[in-house]
Amino acid sequence: MRDAFGSCKFTYCGRTLMNEKERIEQTCRYALEIALKKGAGQARVSAVRDVSDSLGVRNDSLENIRFAVESSLMIQLFTKGRY
C-alpha cells in the first residue's frame, strides 16, 4: 500500500503461503490506517517473516534438525516534524 501519507513494505525470507502473505498484508494495512487516524503525519510499516530449516550431521550420522519461524512488525511514525 502506498499513498501520499504512508507506505507499507513486505519482506519475505523462506517459504510463505499465499494466505499468510495476505494476512500479513492486511495487518500492515490496518497498522498503517490506525497510525494515520491517531494523528501521525506519515507512517511506515514493515513486516518480516523468516523461516529456516537446518540439520546437523556428525560422522555420517544425523545429529539434529531445527525449524524456526520469526515474524516482526515495525511501525515508524512521523509526527510533529520528527520520526
C-alpha atoms as a PDB file:
ATOM      1  CA  MET A   1       0.000   0.000   0.000  1.00  0.00           C
ATOM      2  CA  ARG A   2       1.385   3.379  -0.924  1.00  0.00           C
ATOM      3  CA  ASP A   3      -0.124   6.857  -0.800  1.00  0.00           C
ATOM      4  CA  ALA A   4       0.958  10.411  -0.019  1.00  0.00           C
ATOM      5  CA  PHE A   5       0.834   9.793   3.722  1.00  0.00           C
ATOM      6  CA  GLY A   6       2.208   6.310   4.274  1.00  0.00           C
ATOM      7  CA  SER A   7       3.854   3.244   2.916  1.00  0.00           C
ATOM      8  CA  CYS A   8       3.776  -0.444   3.651  1.00  0.00           C
ATOM      9  CA  LYS A   9       6.667  -2.794   2.839  1.00  0.00           C
ATOM     10  CA  PHE A  10       6.802  -6.597   2.964  1.00  0.00           C
ATOM     11  CA  THR A  11       9.916  -8.731   3.230  1.00  0.00           C
ATOM     12  CA  TYR A  12       9.708 -12.489   2.943  1.00  0.00           C
ATOM     13  CA  CYS A  13      12.538 -14.920   3.603  1.00  0.00           C
ATOM     14  CA  GLY A  14      11.985 -18.612   3.107  1.00  0.00           C
ATOM     15  CA  ARG A  15       8.593 -20.105   2.315  1.00  0.00           C
ATOM     16  CA  THR A  16       5.389 -18.134   2.767  1.00  0.00           C
ATOM     17  CA  LEU A  17       1.949 -19.444   1.896  1.00  0.00           C
ATOM     18  CA  MET A  18      -0.288 -17.082  -0.057  1.00  0.00           C
ATOM     19  CA  ASN A  19      -2.896 -16.875   2.714  1.00  0.00           C
ATOM     20  CA  GLU A  20      -0.141 -15.968   5.187  1.00  0.00           C
ATOM     21  CA  LYS A  21       1.066 -13.245   2.825  1.00  0.00           C
ATOM     22  CA  GLU A  22      -2.456 -11.849   2.585  1.00  0.00           C
ATOM     23  CA  ARG A  23      -2.840 -11.943   6.392  1.00  0.00           C
ATOM     24  CA  ILE A  24       0.445 -10.089   6.880  1.00  0.00           C
ATOM     25  CA  GLU A  25      -0.519  -7.520   4.233  1.00  0.00           C
ATOM     26  CA  GLN A  26      -3.884  -6.977   5.934  1.00  0.00           C
ATOM     27  CA  THR A  27      -2.140  -6.493   9.303  1.00  0.00           C
ATOM     28  CA  CYS A  28       0.232  -3.918   7.770  1.00  0.00           C
ATOM     29  CA  ARG A  29      -2.621  -2.018   6.161  1.00  0.00           C
ATOM     30  CA  TYR A  30      -4.515  -1.995   9.458  1.00  0.00           C
ATOM     31  CA  ALA A  31      -1.482  -0.736  11.420  1.00  0.00           C
ATOM     32  CA  LEU A  32      -0.884   1.991   8.818  1.00  0.00           C
ATOM     33  CA  GLU A  33      -4.527   3.052   8.855  1.00  0.00           C
ATOM     34  CA  ILE A  34      -4.646   3.285  12.665  1.00  0.00           C
ATOM     35  CA  ALA A  35      -1.357   5.216  12.861  1.00  0.00           C
ATOM     36  CA  LEU A  36      -2.652   7.820  10.413  1.00  0.00           C
ATOM     37  CA  LYS A  37      -6.051   8.026  12.142  1.00  0.00           C
ATOM     38  CA  LYS A  38      -4.344   8.580  15.501  1.00  0.00           C
ATOM     39  CA  GLY A  39      -2.511  11.626  14.190  1.00  0.00           C
ATOM     40  CA  ALA A  40       0.764  10.552  12.632  1.00  0.00           C
ATOM     41  CA  GLY A  41       1.662  12.810   9.720  1.00  0.00           C
ATOM     42  CA  GLN A  42       3.261   9.868   7.923  1.00  0.00           C
ATOM     43  CA  ALA A  43       3.823   6.227   8.802  1.00  0.00           C
ATOM     44  CA  ARG A  44       5.919   3.345   7.521  1.00  0.00           C
ATOM     45  CA  VAL A  45       5.005  -0.253   8.332  1.00  0.00           C
ATOM     46  CA  SER A  46       7.380  -3.144   7.612  1.00  0.00           C
ATOM     47  CA  ALA A  47       6.643  -6.824   8.125  1.00  0.00           C
ATOM     48  CA  VAL A  48       9.294  -9.533   8.096  1.00  0.00           C
ATOM     49  CA  ARG A  49       8.745 -13.281   8.225  1.00  0.00           C
ATOM     50  CA  ASP A  50      11.782 -15.547   8.210  1.00  0.00           C
ATOM     51  CA  VAL A  51      11.577 -19.335   8.003  1.00  0.00           C
ATOM     52  CA  SER A  52      14.654 -21.513   8.342  1.00  0.00           C
ATOM     53  CA  ASP A  53      15.398 -25.231   8.329  1.00  0.00           C
ATOM     54  CA  SER A  54      18.730 -26.689   9.330  1.00  0.00           C
ATOM     55  CA  LEU A  55      20.218 -30.045  10.109  1.00  0.00           C
ATOM     56  CA  GLY A  56      23.488 -31.168  11.584  1.00  0.00           C
ATOM     57  CA  VAL A  57      25.450 -34.261  10.638  1.00  0.00           C
ATOM     58  CA  ARG A  58      28.419 -35.673  12.534  1.00  0.00           C
ATOM     59  CA  ASN A  59      30.383 -38.726  11.370  1.00  0.00           C
ATOM     60  CA  ASP A  60      27.736 -39.688   8.768  1.00  0.00           C
ATOM     61  CA  SER A  61      25.031 -39.572  11.423  1.00  0.00           C
ATOM     62  CA  LEU A  62      22.175 -37.081  11.693  1.00  0.00           C
ATOM     63  CA  GLU A  63      22.748 -35.104  14.889  1.00  0.00           C
ATOM     64  CA  ASN A  64      19.921 -32.554  14.927  1.00  0.00           C
ATOM     65  CA  ILE A  65      17.138 -30.985  12.888  1.00  0.00           C
ATOM     66  CA  ARG A  66      15.912 -27.466  13.542  1.00  0.00           C
ATOM     67  CA  PHE A  67      12.983 -25.492  12.190  1.00  0.00           C
ATOM     68  CA  ALA A  68      12.419 -21.848  13.141  1.00  0.00           C
ATOM     69  CA  VAL A  69       9.945 -19.116  12.218  1.00  0.00           C
ATOM     70  CA  GLU A  70      10.493 -15.489  13.161  1.00  0.00           C
ATOM     71  CA  SER A  71       7.998 -12.695  12.480  1.00  0.00           C
ATOM     72  CA  SER A  72       8.123  -8.996  13.243  1.00  0.00           C
ATOM     73  CA  LEU A  73       6.114  -5.864  12.531  1.00  0.00           C
ATOM     74  CA  MET A  74       7.852  -2.481  12.660  1.00  0.00           C
ATOM     75  CA  ILE A  75       5.999   0.832  12.665  1.00  0.00           C
ATOM     76  CA  GLN A  76       7.787   4.150  12.151  1.00  0.00           C
ATOM     77  CA  LEU A  77       5.762   7.292  12.850  1.00  0.00           C
ATOM     78  CA  PHE A  78       6.496  10.782  11.588  1.00  0.00           C
ATOM     79  CA  THR A  79       4.680  13.357  13.666  1.00  0.00           C
ATOM     80  CA  LYS A  80       5.349  16.979  14.570  1.00  0.00           C
ATOM     81  CA  GLY A  81       8.271  17.012  12.131  1.00  0.00           C
ATOM     82  CA  ARG A  82      10.104  14.066  13.730  1.00  0.00           C
ATOM     83  CA  TYR A  83      10.365  10.301  13.445  1.00  0.00           C
END
